[in-house]
Amino acid sequence: MGLVWLSTAFAPALFSALAQAPCAKGDQTYVVRGGDTLGSIAATHATTWQNLSSYNHLPNPNLIFINQHICIQGHGVVTGNPTGNQPVIPVGLIAVKGNVNPFAYGQCTWWASQRYFQLHGFYVPWATNSNAWQWQNRALDFHWHVSSQPTRGAIMDLQPGVQGAQALGHVGVVEMVMSNGHVLVSSMNWGPNYSQVTNFEFRPGPGVSFISA
């Protein structure tokens, strides 16, 4: 959630019109950078995009701006994102592993869980509140890693409207990281043959995250 508005023509003028009240004492002030999404900021700070949207009174959580200040409740004062969109996972928390695939056959969520099992020997552990676009936040709930950087065997999660994803988002599994930085992803419920597993090329960027245990 929360694509960064990159237009150089009028985004700065529009953003300058937005009031930026200082964050409360004890909060962290995060300064939005190019490529950030509200979901990726949430993942980096062990919270959810819903919490950030509500706490910051964002009128449209799909729209954030470069240099906008996002207040993160109770995290001290830090500016910027020194970890490059990598999530901060508290030390000592172990990723929960699933032993059954709870998703409906033929859906992208079923295949992503099934293929992850084929590659790693266990399924994703979340089932409820788990449409594809919600997987990055559900992954954090179960102490999995969420990153902006792809690796082979990771689950790719697309937010709604990103690279052709519909309203529920889309998930698949990275089969190859290509030399151009793009990824070859296997998935179901994508392309002309929705009931078959197909391989398509995607690119890392805003609204794209990669999940692994």
C-alpha atoms as a PDB file:
ATOM      1  CA  MET A   1       0.000   0.000   0.000  1.00  0.00           C
ATOM      2  CA  GLY A   2       1.016   3.589  -0.470  1.00  0.00           C
ATOM      3  CA  LEU A   3       2.731   4.127  -3.795  1.00  0.00           C
ATOM      4  CA  VAL A   4       5.138   7.060  -3.846  1.00  0.00           C
ATOM      5  CA  TRP A   5       4.014   9.788  -6.253  1.00  0.00           C
ATOM      6  CA  LEU A   6       7.050  10.379  -8.498  1.00  0.00           C
ATOM      7  CA  SER A   7       5.724  13.067 -10.829  1.00  0.00           C
ATOM      8  CA  THR A   8       8.225  15.915 -11.014  1.00  0.00           C
ATOM      9  CA  ALA A   9       5.755  18.261 -12.636  1.00  0.00           C
ATOM     10  CA  PHE A  10       3.274  18.892  -9.867  1.00  0.00           C
ATOM     11  CA  ALA A  11       3.774  16.421  -7.021  1.00  0.00           C
ATOM     12  CA  PRO A  12       6.156  18.757  -5.116  1.00  0.00           C
ATOM     13  CA  ALA A  13       3.677  21.599  -5.315  1.00  0.00           C
ATOM     14  CA  LEU A  14       0.845  19.366  -4.197  1.00  0.00           C
ATOM     15  CA  PHE A  15       2.902  17.913  -1.365  1.00  0.00           C
ATOM     16  CA  SER A  16       3.988  21.349  -0.155  1.00  0.00           C
ATOM     17  CA  ALA A  17       0.326  22.131   0.326  1.00  0.00           C
ATOM     18  CA  LEU A  18      -0.080  19.203   2.694  1.00  0.00           C
ATOM     19  CA  ALA A  19       0.294  20.174   6.350  1.00  0.00           C
ATOM     20  CA  GLN A  20       3.040  18.204   8.062  1.00  0.00           C
ATOM     21  CA  ALA A  21       2.546  18.464  11.771  1.00  0.00           C
ATOM     22  CA  PRO A  22       5.569  17.290  13.768  1.00  0.00           C
ATOM     23  CA  CYS A  23       5.424  13.784  15.107  1.00  0.00           C
ATOM     24  CA  ALA A  24       4.640  13.286  18.771  1.00  0.00           C
ATOM     25  CA  LYS A  25       7.491  13.108  21.234  1.00  0.00           C
ATOM     26  CA  GLY A  26       8.860   9.578  21.303  1.00  0.00           C
ATOM     27  CA  ASP A  27       7.672   8.773  17.785  1.00  0.00           C
ATOM     28  CA  GLN A  28       9.975   8.025  14.880  1.00  0.00           C
ATOM     29  CA  THR A  29       9.828  10.423  11.940  1.00  0.00           C
ATOM     30  CA  TYR A  30      10.332   8.548   8.683  1.00  0.00           C
ATOM     31  CA  VAL A  31      11.043  10.602   5.529  1.00  0.00           C
ATOM     32  CA  VAL A  32       9.593   8.945   2.428  1.00  0.00           C
ATOM     33  CA  ARG A  33      12.047   8.126  -0.351  1.00  0.00           C
ATOM     34  CA  GLY A  34      11.604   7.073  -3.982  1.00  0.00           C
ATOM     35  CA  GLY A  35      10.428   3.472  -4.221  1.00  0.00           C
ATOM     36  CA  ASP A  36       8.811   3.422  -0.773  1.00  0.00           C
ATOM     37  CA  THR A  37       5.292   2.189  -0.220  1.00  0.00           C
ATOM     38  CA  LEU A  38       3.304   2.446   2.973  1.00  0.00           C
ATOM     39  CA  GLY A  39       3.479  -1.344   3.154  1.00  0.00           C
ATOM     40  CA  SER A  40       7.280  -1.410   2.808  1.00  0.00           C
ATOM     41  CA  ILE A  41       7.663   1.290   5.481  1.00  0.00           C
ATOM     42  CA  ALA A  42       5.386  -0.714   7.767  1.00  0.00           C
ATOM     43  CA  ALA A  43       7.387  -3.881   7.106  1.00  0.00           C
ATOM     44  CA  THR A  44      10.619  -2.100   8.007  1.00  0.00           C
ATOM     45  CA  HIS A  45       9.200  -0.933  11.326  1.00  0.00           C
ATOM     46  CA  ALA A  46       7.297  -4.038  12.480  1.00  0.00           C
ATOM     47  CA  THR A  47       3.844  -2.544  12.034  1.00  0.00           C
ATOM     48  CA  THR A  48       1.094  -2.580   9.383  1.00  0.00           C
ATOM     49  CA  TRP A  49       0.162  -0.130   6.659  1.00  0.00           C
ATOM     50  CA  GLN A  50      -3.304   0.108   8.246  1.00  0.00           C
ATOM     51  CA  ASN A  51      -1.769   1.326  11.520  1.00  0.00           C
ATOM     52  CA  LEU A  52       0.422   3.858   9.738  1.00  0.00           C
ATOM     53  CA  SER A  53      -2.476   5.122   7.633  1.00  0.00           C
ATOM     54  CA  SER A  54      -4.718   5.549  10.668  1.00  0.00           C
ATOM     55  CA  TYR A  55      -2.049   7.067  12.914  1.00  0.00           C
ATOM     56  CA  ASN A  56      -0.991   9.578  10.241  1.00  0.00           C
ATOM     57  CA  HIS A  57      -4.575  10.375   9.147  1.00  0.00           C
ATOM     58  CA  LEU A  58      -3.722   9.649   5.507  1.00  0.00           C
ATOM     59  CA  PRO A  59      -6.690  10.393   3.219  1.00  0.00           C
ATOM     60  CA  ASN A  60      -5.430   7.864   0.632  1.00  0.00           C
ATOM     61  CA  PRO A  61      -3.010   5.186   1.868  1.00  0.00           C
ATOM     62  CA  ASN A  62      -2.195   4.334  -1.768  1.00  0.00           C
ATOM     63  CA  LEU A  63      -0.647   7.771  -2.266  1.00  0.00           C
ATOM     64  CA  ILE A  64       2.397   9.005  -0.391  1.00  0.00           C
ATOM     65  CA  PHE A  65       5.010  11.510  -1.527  1.00  0.00           C
ATOM     66  CA  ILE A  66       8.778  11.774  -1.578  1.00  0.00           C
ATOM     67  CA  ASN A  67       9.958  13.748   1.499  1.00  0.00           C
ATOM     68  CA  GLN A  68       6.608  13.276   3.244  1.00  0.00           C
ATOM     69  CA  HIS A  69       6.960  12.642   6.973  1.00  0.00           C
ATOM     70  CA  ILE A  70       5.413   9.432   8.309  1.00  0.00           C
ATOM     71  CA  CYS A  71       5.083   9.209  12.085  1.00  0.00           C
ATOM     72  CA  ILE A  72       5.768   5.783  13.567  1.00  0.00           C
ATOM     73  CA  GLN A  73       4.350   5.512  17.031  1.00  0.00           C
ATOM     74  CA  GLY A  74       6.764   4.970  19.911  1.00  0.00           C
ATOM     75  CA  HIS A  75       9.967   4.243  17.962  1.00  0.00           C
ATOM     76  CA  GLY A  76      12.181   7.222  18.894  1.00  0.00           C
ATOM     77  CA  VAL A  77      13.267   9.863  16.356  1.00  0.00           C
ATOM     78  CA  VAL A  78      15.104   8.613  13.252  1.00  0.00           C
ATOM     79  CA  THR A  79      15.090  10.229   9.810  1.00  0.00           C
ATOM     80  CA  GLY A  80      15.226   8.225   6.584  1.00  0.00           C
ATOM     81  CA  ASN A  81      15.554   4.495   6.025  1.00  0.00           C
ATOM     82  CA  PRO A  82      19.120   3.303   6.586  1.00  0.00           C
ATOM     83  CA  THR A  83      18.227  -0.351   5.943  1.00  0.00           C
ATOM     84  CA  GLY A  84      17.173   0.048   2.312  1.00  0.00           C
ATOM     85  CA  ASN A  85      13.629  -1.252   2.751  1.00  0.00           C
ATOM     86  CA  GLN A  86      14.754  -4.356   4.630  1.00  0.00           C
ATOM     87  CA  PRO A  87      12.414  -5.205   7.509  1.00  0.00           C
ATOM     88  CA  VAL A  88      13.564  -5.053  11.088  1.00  0.00           C
ATOM     89  CA  ILE A  89      12.747  -8.424  12.643  1.00  0.00           C
ATOM     90  CA  PRO A  90      13.205  -8.570  16.442  1.00  0.00           C
ATOM     91  CA  VAL A  91      16.040 -10.885  17.446  1.00  0.00           C
ATOM     92  CA  GLY A  92      14.889 -14.222  18.841  1.00  0.00           C
ATOM     93  CA  LEU A  93      11.611 -14.460  16.918  1.00  0.00           C
ATOM     94  CA  ILE A  94      11.504 -17.637  14.843  1.00  0.00           C
ATOM     95  CA  ALA A  95       9.516 -17.903  11.623  1.00  0.00           C
ATOM     96  CA  VAL A  96       6.373 -19.998  12.036  1.00  0.00           C
ATOM     97  CA  LYS A  97       6.082 -22.762   9.427  1.00  0.00           C
ATOM     98  CA  GLY A  98       2.843 -24.182   8.068  1.00  0.00           C
ATOM     99  CA  ASN A  99       2.123 -27.917   7.687  1.00  0.00           C
ATOM    100  CA  VAL A 100      -0.936 -27.679   5.429  1.00  0.00           C
ATOM    101  CA  ASN A 101      -1.984 -25.606   2.433  1.00  0.00           C
ATOM    102  CA  PRO A 102      -5.193 -23.812   3.495  1.00  0.00           C
ATOM    103  CA  PHE A 103      -5.907 -22.008   0.214  1.00  0.00           C
ATOM    104  CA  ALA A 104      -8.337 -22.925  -2.564  1.00  0.00           C
ATOM    105  CA  TYR A 105      -6.838 -24.824  -5.488  1.00  0.00           C
ATOM    106  CA  GLY A 106      -6.419 -22.707  -8.592  1.00  0.00           C
ATOM    107  CA  GLN A 107      -5.904 -19.428  -6.751  1.00  0.00           C
ATOM    108  CA  CYS A 108      -2.545 -17.675  -6.840  1.00  0.00           C
ATOM    109  CA  THR A 109      -2.372 -18.033  -3.054  1.00  0.00           C
ATOM    110  CA  TRP A 110      -2.730 -21.841  -3.326  1.00  0.00           C
ATOM    111  CA  TRP A 111       0.098 -22.131  -5.817  1.00  0.00           C
ATOM    112  CA  ALA A 112       2.424 -19.796  -3.919  1.00  0.00           C
ATOM    113  CA  SER A 113       1.994 -21.833  -0.746  1.00  0.00           C
ATOM    114  CA  GLN A 114       2.254 -25.135  -2.633  1.00  0.00           C
ATOM    115  CA  ARG A 115       5.351 -24.156  -4.585  1.00  0.00           C
ATOM    116  CA  TYR A 116       7.003 -22.814  -1.464  1.00  0.00           C
ATOM    117  CA  PHE A 117       6.406 -26.232   0.109  1.00  0.00           C
ATOM    118  CA  GLN A 118       7.944 -27.954  -2.914  1.00  0.00           C
ATOM    119  CA  LEU A 119      11.074 -25.825  -2.638  1.00  0.00           C
ATOM    120  CA  HIS A 120      11.456 -25.536   1.135  1.00  0.00           C
ATOM    121  CA  GLY A 121       9.454 -28.336   2.742  1.00  0.00           C
ATOM    122  CA  PHE A 122       6.785 -26.270   4.498  1.00  0.00           C
ATOM    123  CA  TYR A 123       3.785 -24.083   3.655  1.00  0.00           C
ATOM    124  CA  VAL A 124       3.004 -20.507   4.606  1.00  0.00           C
ATOM    125  CA  PRO A 125       1.343 -20.555   8.051  1.00  0.00           C
ATOM    126  CA  TRP A 126      -1.265 -17.812   7.606  1.00  0.00           C
ATOM    127  CA  ALA A 127      -4.802 -18.444   6.371  1.00  0.00           C
ATOM    128  CA  THR A 128      -7.188 -15.741   7.609  1.00  0.00           C
ATOM    129  CA  ASN A 129      -7.127 -12.152   6.316  1.00  0.00           C
ATOM    130  CA  SER A 130      -4.847 -13.417   3.602  1.00  0.00           C
ATOM    131  CA  ASN A 131      -5.765 -12.099   0.202  1.00  0.00           C
ATOM    132  CA  ALA A 132      -2.610 -11.810  -1.888  1.00  0.00           C
ATOM    133  CA  TRP A 133      -2.065  -8.108  -1.178  1.00  0.00           C
ATOM    134  CA  GLN A 134      -2.150  -8.817   2.566  1.00  0.00           C
ATOM    135  CA  TRP A 135       0.622 -11.412   2.522  1.00  0.00           C
ATOM    136  CA  GLN A 136       3.497  -9.067   3.332  1.00  0.00           C
ATOM    137  CA  ASN A 137       1.821  -7.963   6.563  1.00  0.00           C
ATOM    138  CA  ARG A 138       0.692 -11.496   7.415  1.00  0.00           C
ATOM    139  CA  ALA A 139       4.260 -12.666   6.848  1.00  0.00           C
ATOM    140  CA  LEU A 140       5.494 -10.214   9.473  1.00  0.00           C
ATOM    141  CA  ASP A 141       2.797 -11.422  11.863  1.00  0.00           C
ATOM    142  CA  PHE A 142       4.380 -14.886  11.647  1.00  0.00           C
ATOM    143  CA  HIS A 143       7.963 -13.568  11.817  1.00  0.00           C
ATOM    144  CA  TRP A 144       8.815 -14.190   8.176  1.00  0.00           C
ATOM    145  CA  HIS A 145      11.132 -11.831   6.262  1.00  0.00           C
ATOM    146  CA  VAL A 146       9.800  -9.201   3.860  1.00  0.00           C
ATOM    147  CA  SER A 147      12.242  -7.514   1.491  1.00  0.00           C
ATOM    148  CA  SER A 148      12.349  -5.328  -1.596  1.00  0.00           C
ATOM    149  CA  GLN A 149      15.182  -7.497  -2.948  1.00  0.00           C
ATOM    150  CA  PRO A 150      14.302 -10.752  -4.781  1.00  0.00           C
ATOM    151  CA  THR A 151      15.849 -14.138  -4.143  1.00  0.00           C
ATOM    152  CA  ARG A 152      15.159 -17.446  -5.839  1.00  0.00           C
ATOM    153  CA  GLY A 153      12.461 -19.371  -3.998  1.00  0.00           C
ATOM    154  CA  ALA A 154      10.954 -16.306  -2.312  1.00  0.00           C
ATOM    155  CA  ILE A 155       7.276 -15.422  -2.663  1.00  0.00           C
ATOM    156  CA  MET A 156       6.650 -12.301  -4.734  1.00  0.00           C
ATOM    157  CA  ASP A 157       3.728 -10.189  -3.497  1.00  0.00           C
ATOM    158  CA  LEU A 158       2.131  -7.563  -5.766  1.00  0.00           C
ATOM    159  CA  GLN A 159      -0.120  -4.873  -4.341  1.00  0.00           C
ATOM    160  CA  PRO A 160      -3.398  -4.066  -6.171  1.00  0.00           C
ATOM    161  CA  GLY A 161      -2.872  -2.308  -9.489  1.00  0.00           C
ATOM    162  CA  VAL A 162       0.856  -3.052  -9.608  1.00  0.00           C
ATOM    163  CA  GLN A 163       2.098  -4.577 -12.872  1.00  0.00           C
ATOM    164  CA  GLY A 164      -1.372  -5.799 -13.772  1.00  0.00           C
ATOM    165  CA  ALA A 165      -2.458  -7.157 -10.377  1.00  0.00           C
ATOM    166  CA  GLN A 166      -6.188  -6.922  -9.713  1.00  0.00           C
ATOM    167  CA  ALA A 167      -7.981  -5.685  -6.575  1.00  0.00           C
ATOM    168  CA  LEU A 168      -6.833  -8.604  -4.406  1.00  0.00           C
ATOM    169  CA  GLY A 169      -3.189  -8.369  -5.466  1.00  0.00           C
ATOM    170  CA  HIS A 170      -1.142 -11.313  -6.675  1.00  0.00           C
ATOM    171  CA  VAL A 171       1.436 -13.761  -5.340  1.00  0.00           C
ATOM    172  CA  GLY A 172       3.792 -16.197  -7.015  1.00  0.00           C
ATOM    173  CA  VAL A 173       7.188 -17.767  -6.423  1.00  0.00           C
ATOM    174  CA  VAL A 174      10.495 -16.521  -7.819  1.00  0.00           C
ATOM    175  CA  GLU A 175      11.970 -19.232 -10.022  1.00  0.00           C
ATOM    176  CA  MET A 176      14.876 -17.126 -11.304  1.00  0.00           C
ATOM    177  CA  VAL A 177      16.458 -13.739 -10.701  1.00  0.00           C
ATOM    178  CA  MET A 178      17.380 -12.557 -14.190  1.00  0.00           C
ATOM    179  CA  SER A 179      20.517 -10.691 -15.266  1.00  0.00           C
ATOM    180  CA  ASN A 180      18.482  -7.515 -15.888  1.00  0.00           C
ATOM    181  CA  GLY A 181      17.263  -7.532 -12.269  1.00  0.00           C
ATOM    182  CA  HIS A 182      13.793  -8.753 -13.184  1.00  0.00           C
ATOM    183  CA  VAL A 183      12.366 -11.999 -11.829  1.00  0.00           C
ATOM    184  CA  LEU A 184      10.766 -15.012 -13.507  1.00  0.00           C
ATOM    185  CA  VAL A 185       7.805 -15.964 -11.317  1.00  0.00           C
ATOM    186  CA  SER A 186       5.593 -19.048 -11.411  1.00  0.00           C
ATOM    187  CA  SER A 187       1.968 -18.525 -10.443  1.00  0.00           C
ATOM    188  CA  MET A 188      -1.636 -19.506 -11.049  1.00  0.00           C
ATOM    189  CA  ASN A 189      -4.640 -17.309 -11.833  1.00  0.00           C
ATOM    190  CA  TRP A 190      -2.515 -15.031 -14.023  1.00  0.00           C
ATOM    191  CA  GLY A 191      -2.467 -14.489 -17.762  1.00  0.00           C
ATOM    192  CA  PRO A 192      -4.717 -16.193 -20.338  1.00  0.00           C
ATOM    193  CA  ASN A 193      -4.611 -19.658 -18.721  1.00  0.00           C
ATOM    194  CA  TYR A 194      -5.860 -18.936 -15.209  1.00  0.00           C
ATOM    195  CA  SER A 195      -6.158 -22.592 -14.183  1.00  0.00           C
ATOM    196  CA  GLN A 196      -2.570 -23.460 -15.172  1.00  0.00           C
ATOM    197  CA  VAL A 197       0.790 -22.693 -13.664  1.00  0.00           C
ATOM    198  CA  THR A 198       2.524 -20.119 -15.846  1.00  0.00           C
ATOM    199  CA  ASN A 199       5.833 -18.281 -15.725  1.00  0.00           C
ATOM    200  CA  PHE A 200       5.878 -14.509 -16.218  1.00  0.00           C
ATOM    201  CA  GLU A 201       8.544 -11.845 -15.900  1.00  0.00           C
ATOM    202  CA  PHE A 202       8.088  -9.111 -13.287  1.00  0.00           C
ATOM    203  CA  ARG A 203      10.309  -6.315 -12.031  1.00  0.00           C
ATOM    204  CA  PRO A 204      11.100  -5.299  -8.452  1.00  0.00           C
ATOM    205  CA  GLY A 205       9.920  -1.830  -7.475  1.00  0.00           C
ATOM    206  CA  PRO A 206       7.113   0.054  -5.752  1.00  0.00           C
ATOM    207  CA  GLY A 207       4.307  -2.205  -4.600  1.00  0.00           C
ATOM    208  CA  VAL A 208       6.428  -5.364  -4.973  1.00  0.00           C
ATOM    209  CA  SER A 209       7.804  -7.289  -2.000  1.00  0.00           C
ATOM    210  CA  PHE A 210       9.514 -10.622  -1.537  1.00  0.00           C
ATOM    211  CA  ILE A 211       8.656 -12.970   1.321  1.00  0.00           C
ATOM    212  CA  SER A 212      10.698 -15.803   2.799  1.00  0.00           C
ATOM    213  CA  ALA A 213      10.919 -17.678   6.091  1.00  0.00           C
END
